[in-house]
Protein backbone atom coordinates (compact mmCIF):
# COMPACT_ATOMS: atom_id res chain seq x y z
CA UNK A 1 70.35 181.86 28.45
CA UNK A 2 67.13 183.37 29.86
CA UNK A 3 63.80 181.97 28.77
CA UNK A 4 61.49 183.78 26.51
CA UNK A 5 58.53 185.16 28.43
CA UNK A 6 55.09 185.21 26.71
CA UNK A 7 52.99 188.35 27.46
CA UNK A 8 50.79 187.77 30.39
CA UNK A 9 47.91 190.09 29.26
CA UNK A 10 47.04 191.94 26.16
CA UNK A 11 48.18 191.21 22.69
CA UNK A 12 50.20 188.09 21.94
CA UNK A 13 53.96 188.70 22.35
CA UNK A 14 57.25 187.62 23.69
CA UNK A 15 60.11 189.34 25.48
CA UNK A 16 63.35 188.39 26.73
CA UNK A 17 65.96 190.21 28.89
CA UNK A 18 69.39 190.25 27.36
CA UNK A 19 72.82 191.62 28.08
CA UNK A 20 73.50 194.97 26.58
CA UNK A 21 76.33 193.48 24.30
CA UNK A 22 76.67 192.93 20.61
CA UNK A 23 76.19 189.35 20.86
CA UNK A 24 72.61 189.84 21.91
CA UNK A 25 71.59 190.96 18.38
CA UNK A 26 71.81 187.19 17.35
CA UNK A 27 69.38 186.23 20.07
CA UNK A 28 67.02 189.09 19.32
CA UNK A 29 66.87 188.04 15.64
CA UNK A 30 66.05 184.53 16.72
CA UNK A 31 63.24 185.80 19.07
CA UNK A 32 61.61 187.84 16.18
CA UNK A 33 62.23 184.97 13.77
CA UNK A 34 60.40 182.55 15.98
CA UNK A 35 57.53 184.77 16.95
CA UNK A 36 56.78 185.83 13.35
CA UNK A 37 56.94 182.22 12.14
CA UNK A 38 54.61 181.08 14.80
CA UNK A 39 52.22 183.87 13.78
CA UNK A 40 52.37 182.92 10.22
CA UNK A 41 53.98 186.12 9.27
CA UNK A 42 57.02 184.74 7.54
CA UNK A 43 57.06 187.44 4.99
CA UNK A 44 57.94 189.86 7.63
CA UNK A 45 60.79 187.80 9.21
CA UNK A 46 63.81 189.35 7.18
CA UNK A 47 62.69 192.92 7.76
CA UNK A 48 61.91 192.12 11.41
CA UNK A 49 65.30 190.66 12.00
CA UNK A 50 67.02 193.74 10.34
CA UNK A 51 64.93 196.20 12.42
CA UNK A 52 65.51 194.40 15.74
CA UNK A 53 69.40 194.27 14.82
CA UNK A 54 69.48 198.05 14.55
CA UNK A 55 67.50 198.61 17.57
CA UNK A 56 69.81 196.31 19.64
CA UNK A 57 72.78 197.88 18.10
CA UNK A 58 71.62 201.37 19.14
CA UNK A 59 71.03 200.19 22.70
CA UNK A 60 74.39 198.59 22.92
CA UNK A 61 76.21 201.62 21.55
CA UNK A 62 74.35 204.35 23.49
CA UNK A 63 72.66 202.94 26.70
CA UNK A 64 75.78 202.23 28.69
CA UNK A 65 73.45 199.70 30.72
CA UNK A 66 74.25 196.26 31.59
CA UNK A 67 70.86 194.87 30.29
CA UNK A 68 68.10 195.58 27.75
CA UNK A 69 64.73 193.97 27.12
CA UNK A 70 63.75 192.81 23.59
CA UNK A 71 59.94 192.44 22.88
CA UNK A 72 58.01 191.44 19.87
CA UNK A 73 54.09 191.61 20.03
CA UNK A 74 51.21 191.42 17.77
CA UNK A 75 48.84 194.46 18.62
CA UNK A 76 46.56 193.48 15.79
CA UNK A 77 46.62 190.61 13.38
CA UNK A 78 48.49 192.52 10.75
CA UNK A 79 50.78 194.82 12.98
CA UNK A 80 53.92 193.56 14.58
CA UNK A 81 55.64 195.70 17.21
CA UNK A 82 59.37 195.13 17.81
CA UNK A 83 60.82 197.00 20.89
CA UNK A 84 64.00 197.45 22.92
CA UNK A 85 63.98 198.82 26.34
CA UNK A 86 67.13 200.18 27.94
CA UNK A 87 68.34 202.39 30.86
CA UNK A 88 69.31 205.40 28.78
CA UNK A 89 67.05 208.36 28.66
CA UNK A 90 69.03 209.85 25.79
CA UNK A 91 66.81 210.58 22.77
CA UNK A 92 67.70 208.51 19.64
CA UNK A 93 67.72 210.65 16.52
CA UNK A 94 68.23 209.67 12.75
CA UNK A 95 71.19 211.45 11.49
CA UNK A 96 72.79 211.66 7.95
CA UNK A 97 76.28 210.10 8.10
CA UNK A 98 78.96 211.56 5.69
CA UNK A 99 79.89 209.59 2.68
CA UNK A 100 81.89 206.44 3.71
CA UNK A 101 80.93 206.41 7.45
CA UNK A 102 80.13 202.77 8.56
CA UNK A 103 77.63 203.77 11.28
CA UNK A 104 74.75 206.19 11.82
CA UNK A 105 72.30 204.87 9.39
CA UNK A 106 70.22 202.55 11.79
CA UNK A 107 67.36 204.74 12.41
CA UNK A 108 67.09 205.95 8.92
CA UNK A 109 66.89 202.33 7.88
CA UNK A 110 64.34 201.51 10.68
CA UNK A 111 62.23 204.45 9.48
CA UNK A 112 62.33 203.32 5.84
CA UNK A 113 61.48 199.78 6.60
CA UNK A 114 58.72 200.02 9.03
CA UNK A 115 55.15 201.56 9.17
CA UNK A 116 56.20 203.76 12.06
CA UNK A 117 58.61 204.01 15.04
CA UNK A 118 58.70 205.94 18.10
CA UNK A 119 60.24 206.23 21.56
CA UNK A 120 58.49 205.96 24.90
CA UNK A 121 60.30 207.36 27.92
CA UNK A 122 60.19 205.71 31.19
CA UNK A 123 61.32 206.61 34.81
CA UNK A 124 64.68 204.75 34.24
CA UNK A 125 65.17 204.54 30.56
CA UNK A 126 63.28 204.35 27.40
CA UNK A 127 61.76 201.91 24.81
CA UNK A 128 62.38 202.29 21.15
CA UNK A 129 59.74 200.44 19.06
CA UNK A 130 58.88 199.97 15.42
CA UNK A 131 55.97 198.46 13.78
CA UNK A 132 55.65 196.37 10.60
CA UNK A 133 52.51 195.93 8.75
CA UNK A 134 51.78 192.67 7.04
CA UNK A 135 50.03 192.46 3.61
CA UNK A 136 46.39 191.89 3.57
CA UNK A 137 46.83 188.31 2.36
CA UNK A 138 49.14 187.42 5.30
């Protein structure tokens, strides 16, 4: 297991390289849970774990790479950014699955649960990130 790395500069945050495989979703949820609990944003833990699970699932299904990086950061005291970086340059796009289909709802769910989400393209891949906004009283 690779150690979690704190951000060296900028906003508080943690990141961890992970194998691009379904089992990494559990580790990604643990990373988000730990960071949000440390930042006293426990009200965002359940949503954060669901969002990171969907982003990791998309990377596993579509990137075809061996590794990905999962990050969680605190750009402002109330805004949490959850990100997954992989080697694919394919554009993720929400779709409307038909009736009983069991897949294809991940980005629709991410869009519904988060304040915003975007994709940043890199020379060798992309980062898909989503931001959660804590309540004023958090």
